[in-house]
Amino acid sequence: MTGFGRAEHATSTLAARVEASSVNRKQSEIVVQLPRCYAELEAKIRKLALAKLSRGRISISIQIEQPEGATSPIHLNAQRARALETAFTELSTAIDRPVQPSSADFLRTPEILSFDQEQASAEEAMAAVLPAVTEALDHMIAMRASEGKHLHDDTKSRLHILEELTKEISTHAPSVVQRYREQLHRRLNESGLDIDLADDRLLKEIGLFADRCDISEEITRLHSHFEKFHEYLAKDEPIGRPLDFLCQELNREFNTIGSKANDATLAQHIVNAKTELEKIREQVQNVE
């Protein structure tokens, strides 16, 4: 699921600004961006994120700097400043007229003036980063939860459609054998063959067809999967992977019924069911 969160936290020595965002992904992937000098913090930040999230591509961007109002000593590179002065003197001699460097020339020349920033320790950096990362992730998760509520309602409504289609399939299935029996009798009559309708061969043929078309086991398993689906939807924990598995099992049962159907009405019900199931499966891919 998608989400975004932002947070800041400052200590007496450092300030941390964190942005956390997530996009849909079947597995979990944590990407941490922070200053290279604090790369050792990445493992702890990843562990914190994985404890809160089990799916999605999570990007965590961290900026670490001195807090507002902090000052750093200025370092003067006197040797480089004298070298610049000498260069202007040589320029004056070369063009035979005086050329004096201005203050702007000294400021623009790299490394003459620089700010000394003493790097804080990893422990000091973590003290600023950890609360900001935690808060940013919580904001992002709250946004994901809001999206999850919409996904929950949509999935539940589509699951109800599947249950209704399964009921129609179960109701229509017995008529398939009866229709086959009537068609078989009609074809025999049209062929002019003098065969008793109570002939054992005819009854055996109808029995074999009925056995091939029997979908009672598949219907039972579908109801079991629907019940489990509702059970997972009612839980307050990560359910994305179990629901993904159930979608595969539901698809398997509908495919089996479709292969046994040998009936246009049942085939249309199966098509409609698989269409709704595919929409559920696409949504489940985004569920935590």
Protein backbone atom coordinates (compact mmCIF):
# COMPACT_ATOMS: atom_id res chain seq x y z
CA MET A 1 0.00 0.00 0.00
CA THR A 2 1.07 3.57 -0.51
CA GLY A 3 1.79 6.02 2.27
CA PHE A 4 3.94 8.97 3.30
CA GLY A 5 5.21 10.33 6.59
CA ARG A 6 7.53 13.14 7.65
CA ALA A 7 9.07 13.96 11.04
CA GLU A 8 11.88 15.95 12.68
CA HIS A 9 13.77 15.54 15.92
CA ALA A 10 16.65 17.52 17.40
CA THR A 11 19.05 16.95 20.26
CA SER A 12 21.55 19.42 21.69
CA THR A 13 24.10 18.39 19.05
CA LEU A 14 22.19 17.23 15.95
CA ALA A 15 18.89 17.64 14.12
CA ALA A 16 17.35 14.91 11.95
CA ARG A 17 14.71 15.29 9.25
CA VAL A 18 13.12 12.09 7.98
CA GLU A 19 10.72 11.31 5.12
CA ALA A 20 9.26 7.81 4.77
CA SER A 21 7.24 6.66 1.76
CA SER A 22 5.92 3.32 0.56
CA VAL A 23 4.67 1.92 -2.72
CA ASN A 24 3.05 -1.41 -3.56
CA ARG A 25 5.28 -4.46 -3.69
CA LYS A 26 4.54 -8.14 -3.05
CA GLN A 27 7.60 -8.60 -0.81
CA SER A 28 9.26 -6.18 1.60
CA GLU A 29 12.13 -3.93 0.51
CA ILE A 30 13.64 -1.22 2.71
CA VAL A 31 15.76 1.52 1.08
CA VAL A 32 17.58 3.86 3.48
CA GLN A 33 19.25 7.08 2.34
CA LEU A 34 21.42 8.87 4.90
CA PRO A 35 24.81 10.68 5.00
CA ARG A 36 27.68 8.37 4.14
CA CYS A 37 29.50 9.14 7.39
CA TYR A 38 26.60 7.56 9.29
CA ALA A 39 26.19 4.49 7.06
CA GLU A 40 26.59 2.20 10.07
CA LEU A 41 23.13 3.30 11.25
CA GLU A 42 21.40 1.74 8.24
CA ALA A 43 21.13 -1.77 9.72
CA LYS A 44 19.37 -0.49 12.86
CA ILE A 45 16.98 1.66 10.81
CA ARG A 46 16.14 -1.26 8.50
CA LYS A 47 15.47 -3.48 11.52
CA LEU A 48 13.13 -0.85 12.97
CA ALA A 49 11.20 -0.58 9.70
CA LEU A 50 10.93 -4.36 9.21
CA ALA A 51 9.49 -4.69 12.72
CA LYS A 52 6.61 -2.42 11.65
CA LEU A 53 6.10 -3.46 8.00
CA SER A 54 6.01 -6.76 6.16
CA ARG A 55 5.15 -5.70 2.59
CA GLY A 56 5.90 -2.88 0.19
CA ARG A 57 8.91 -0.91 -1.00
CA ILE A 58 9.75 1.50 1.82
CA SER A 59 12.04 4.47 1.15
CA ILE A 60 13.47 6.30 4.18
CA SER A 61 15.34 9.53 3.47
CA ILE A 62 17.33 10.99 6.38
CA GLN A 63 19.08 14.36 6.65
CA ILE A 64 21.35 15.04 9.63
CA GLU A 65 22.71 18.48 10.44
CA GLN A 66 23.49 20.77 13.32
CA PRO A 67 20.42 22.23 15.02
CA GLU A 68 19.30 25.77 14.23
CA GLY A 69 21.41 28.35 16.06
CA ALA A 70 24.49 26.14 16.34
CA THR A 71 27.73 27.78 15.24
CA SER A 72 30.89 26.32 13.78
CA PRO A 73 34.39 27.83 13.99
CA ILE A 74 35.77 29.39 10.82
CA HIS A 75 39.11 28.11 9.60
CA LEU A 76 41.40 30.44 7.64
CA ASN A 77 43.89 29.00 5.17
CA ALA A 78 46.45 31.82 5.36
CA GLN A 79 48.85 30.16 2.91
CA ARG A 80 46.19 29.97 0.24
CA ALA A 81 45.19 33.62 0.91
CA ARG A 82 48.84 34.75 0.49
CA ALA A 83 49.06 32.74 -2.70
CA LEU A 84 46.06 34.63 -4.07
CA GLU A 85 47.62 37.95 -3.07
CA THR A 86 50.86 36.96 -4.82
CA ALA A 87 48.95 35.99 -7.93
CA PHE A 88 47.38 39.46 -8.13
CA THR A 89 50.79 41.09 -7.67
CA GLU A 90 52.19 39.05 -10.55
CA LEU A 91 49.11 40.00 -12.62
CA SER A 92 49.78 43.70 -11.90
CA THR A 93 53.38 43.32 -13.10
CA ALA A 94 52.30 41.44 -16.20
CA ILE A 95 49.82 44.08 -17.38
CA ASP A 96 51.82 47.02 -16.00
CA ARG A 97 49.04 48.44 -13.85
CA PRO A 98 48.01 47.76 -10.23
CA VAL A 99 45.27 45.18 -9.65
CA GLN A 100 44.17 44.66 -6.06
CA PRO A 101 42.10 41.62 -4.93
CA SER A 102 38.78 42.48 -3.27
CA SER A 103 37.16 40.69 -0.34
CA ALA A 104 34.84 38.96 -2.80
CA ASP A 105 37.87 37.44 -4.53
CA PHE A 106 39.03 35.90 -1.26
CA LEU A 107 35.52 34.58 -0.46
CA ARG A 108 35.10 33.04 -3.91
CA THR A 109 38.43 31.24 -3.80
CA PRO A 110 37.89 27.69 -2.47
CA GLU A 111 39.42 26.61 0.85
CA ILE A 112 40.53 30.08 2.01
CA LEU A 113 37.62 30.22 4.45
CA SER A 114 35.94 27.04 5.67
CA PHE A 115 33.69 25.97 8.53
CA ASP A 116 35.00 23.26 10.79
CA GLN A 117 32.20 20.83 11.55
CA GLU A 118 33.18 18.13 13.98
CA GLN A 119 31.36 14.92 13.12
CA ALA A 120 29.10 13.65 15.87
CA SER A 121 29.35 10.03 16.96
CA ALA A 122 27.01 7.34 15.68
CA GLU A 123 25.33 7.18 19.09
CA GLU A 124 24.63 10.93 19.04
CA ALA A 125 23.28 10.66 15.49
CA MET A 126 21.06 7.71 16.43
CA ALA A 127 19.61 9.68 19.35
CA ALA A 128 18.36 12.29 16.86
CA VAL A 129 17.44 9.90 14.05
CA LEU A 130 15.56 7.15 15.92
CA PRO A 131 12.61 9.26 17.22
CA ALA A 132 12.23 10.96 13.83
CA VAL A 133 12.26 7.65 11.92
CA THR A 134 9.73 6.14 14.33
CA GLU A 135 7.36 9.09 14.01
CA ALA A 136 7.69 9.26 10.21
CA LEU A 137 6.96 5.53 9.90
CA ASP A 138 3.94 5.87 12.19
CA HIS A 139 2.54 8.69 10.01
CA MET A 140 3.14 6.59 6.90
CA ILE A 141 1.48 3.53 8.45
CA ALA A 142 -1.54 5.64 9.43
CA MET A 143 -1.95 6.68 5.80
CA ARG A 144 -1.57 3.04 4.69
CA ALA A 145 -4.22 2.02 7.24
CA SER A 146 -6.66 4.51 5.73
CA GLU A 147 -6.08 3.02 2.30
CA GLY A 148 -6.34 -0.46 3.80
CA LYS A 149 -9.84 0.30 5.08
CA HIS A 150 -10.97 1.05 1.52
CA LEU A 151 -9.28 -2.13 0.24
CA HIS A 152 -10.99 -4.13 3.01
CA ASP A 153 -14.46 -2.85 2.07
CA ASP A 154 -13.86 -3.39 -1.64
CA THR A 155 -12.53 -6.92 -1.12
CA LYS A 156 -15.43 -7.84 1.14
CA SER A 157 -18.01 -6.68 -1.40
CA ARG A 158 -16.33 -8.65 -4.19
CA LEU A 159 -16.11 -11.71 -1.96
CA HIS A 160 -19.88 -11.46 -1.47
CA ILE A 161 -20.28 -11.50 -5.27
CA LEU A 162 -18.18 -14.68 -5.43
CA GLU A 163 -20.34 -16.31 -2.78
CA GLU A 164 -23.49 -15.45 -4.72
CA LEU A 165 -22.02 -16.84 -7.94
CA THR A 166 -21.03 -20.02 -6.11
CA LYS A 167 -24.61 -20.36 -4.86
CA GLU A 168 -25.91 -20.01 -8.43
CA ILE A 169 -23.39 -22.61 -9.64
CA SER A 170 -24.43 -25.02 -6.89
CA THR A 171 -28.11 -24.51 -7.69
CA HIS A 172 -27.69 -24.98 -11.43
CA ALA A 173 -25.27 -27.94 -11.32
CA PRO A 174 -27.90 -30.75 -10.80
CA SER A 175 -29.77 -29.70 -13.92
CA VAL A 176 -26.68 -30.40 -16.06
CA VAL A 177 -27.03 -34.18 -15.69
CA GLN A 178 -30.78 -34.02 -16.26
CA ARG A 179 -30.24 -31.98 -19.43
CA TYR A 180 -27.61 -34.45 -20.65
CA ARG A 181 -30.01 -37.34 -20.03
CA GLU A 182 -32.75 -35.61 -22.01
CA GLN A 183 -30.35 -34.79 -24.87
CA LEU A 184 -29.10 -38.38 -24.93
CA HIS A 185 -32.65 -39.72 -25.10
CA ARG A 186 -33.51 -37.28 -27.87
CA ARG A 187 -30.50 -38.23 -29.95
CA LEU A 188 -31.30 -41.92 -29.55
CA ASN A 189 -34.88 -41.32 -30.64
CA GLU A 190 -33.76 -39.23 -33.61
CA SER A 191 -31.30 -41.92 -34.64
CA GLY A 192 -34.08 -44.51 -34.85
CA LEU A 193 -32.30 -46.95 -32.57
CA ASP A 194 -34.59 -49.19 -30.60
CA ILE A 195 -33.00 -48.87 -27.16
CA ASP A 196 -34.90 -49.16 -23.91
CA LEU A 197 -34.45 -46.05 -21.75
CA ALA A 198 -33.86 -48.41 -18.81
CA ASP A 199 -31.04 -50.21 -20.63
CA ASP A 200 -28.05 -50.78 -18.36
CA ARG A 201 -25.64 -49.37 -20.95
CA LEU A 202 -27.62 -46.16 -21.14
CA LEU A 203 -27.84 -45.85 -17.37
CA LYS A 204 -24.11 -46.51 -17.07
CA GLU A 205 -23.32 -43.78 -19.59
CA ILE A 206 -25.49 -41.30 -17.69
CA GLY A 207 -23.88 -42.36 -14.42
CA LEU A 208 -20.38 -41.84 -15.77
CA PHE A 209 -21.33 -38.41 -17.04
CA ALA A 210 -22.85 -37.49 -13.68
CA ASP A 211 -19.66 -38.60 -11.93
CA ARG A 212 -17.50 -36.51 -14.27
CA CYS A 213 -19.72 -33.47 -13.71
CA ASP A 214 -19.96 -33.81 -9.95
CA ILE A 215 -18.67 -30.58 -8.36
CA SER A 216 -19.86 -31.14 -4.80
CA GLU A 217 -16.30 -31.41 -3.45
CA GLU A 218 -15.25 -28.21 -5.17
CA ILE A 219 -18.30 -26.36 -3.82
CA THR A 220 -17.52 -27.56 -0.30
CA ARG A 221 -13.92 -26.38 -0.57
CA LEU A 222 -15.06 -23.02 -1.95
CA HIS A 223 -17.29 -22.46 1.07
CA SER A 224 -14.40 -23.41 3.34
CA HIS A 225 -12.11 -20.90 1.59
CA PHE A 226 -14.77 -18.18 1.81
CA GLU A 227 -15.12 -18.78 5.55
CA LYS A 228 -11.36 -18.58 6.00
CA PHE A 229 -11.24 -15.41 3.89
CA HIS A 230 -13.78 -13.69 6.16
CA GLU A 231 -11.83 -14.88 9.20
CA TYR A 232 -8.64 -13.25 7.94
CA LEU A 233 -10.44 -10.02 7.00
CA ALA A 234 -11.60 -9.70 10.60
CA LYS A 235 -8.06 -9.95 12.00
CA ASP A 236 -5.99 -6.96 13.07
CA GLU A 237 -2.64 -8.26 11.79
CA PRO A 238 -0.78 -8.68 8.48
CA ILE A 239 -2.93 -10.91 6.27
CA GLY A 240 -1.65 -10.15 2.77
CA ARG A 241 0.19 -13.42 2.18
CA PRO A 242 -2.57 -15.72 3.57
CA LEU A 243 -5.15 -13.93 1.40
CA ASP A 244 -2.89 -14.27 -1.62
CA PHE A 245 -2.71 -18.02 -0.99
CA LEU A 246 -6.49 -18.27 -0.61
CA CYS A 247 -6.96 -16.47 -3.94
CA GLN A 248 -4.82 -19.13 -5.59
CA GLU A 249 -6.89 -21.90 -4.00
CA LEU A 250 -10.18 -20.26 -5.01
CA ASN A 251 -8.90 -19.94 -8.56
CA ARG A 252 -7.96 -23.62 -8.54
CA GLU A 253 -11.47 -24.68 -7.49
CA PHE A 254 -13.18 -22.47 -10.07
CA ASN A 255 -10.89 -23.83 -12.77
CA THR A 256 -11.79 -27.40 -11.79
CA ILE A 257 -15.49 -26.60 -11.87
CA GLY A 258 -15.03 -24.98 -15.27
CA SER A 259 -13.33 -28.08 -16.65
CA LYS A 260 -16.17 -30.28 -15.35
CA ALA A 261 -19.03 -27.97 -16.24
CA ASN A 262 -19.79 -28.92 -19.84
CA ASP A 263 -22.58 -26.36 -19.64
CA ALA A 264 -22.83 -22.84 -21.08
CA THR A 265 -24.58 -21.36 -18.03
CA LEU A 266 -22.03 -22.78 -15.61
CA ALA A 267 -19.21 -21.65 -17.88
CA GLN A 268 -20.53 -18.07 -17.81
CA HIS A 269 -20.77 -18.17 -14.01
CA ILE A 270 -17.16 -19.36 -13.86
CA VAL A 271 -16.02 -16.54 -16.14
CA ASN A 272 -17.78 -13.98 -13.94
CA ALA A 273 -16.35 -15.53 -10.78
CA LYS A 274 -12.79 -15.54 -12.10
CA THR A 275 -13.15 -11.92 -13.20
CA GLU A 276 -14.13 -10.87 -9.67
CA LEU A 277 -11.45 -13.10 -8.15
CA GLU A 278 -8.77 -11.47 -10.30
CA LYS A 279 -9.85 -8.05 -9.01
CA ILE A 280 -9.58 -9.35 -5.45
CA ARG A 281 -6.17 -10.84 -6.16
CA GLU A 282 -4.88 -7.53 -7.53
CA GLN A 283 -6.04 -5.75 -4.38
CA VAL A 284 -4.61 -8.43 -2.10
CA GLN A 285 -1.17 -7.85 -3.63
CA ASN A 286 -1.24 -4.43 -1.94
CA VAL A 287 -2.42 -5.60 1.47
CA GLU A 288 0.03 -5.63 4.40
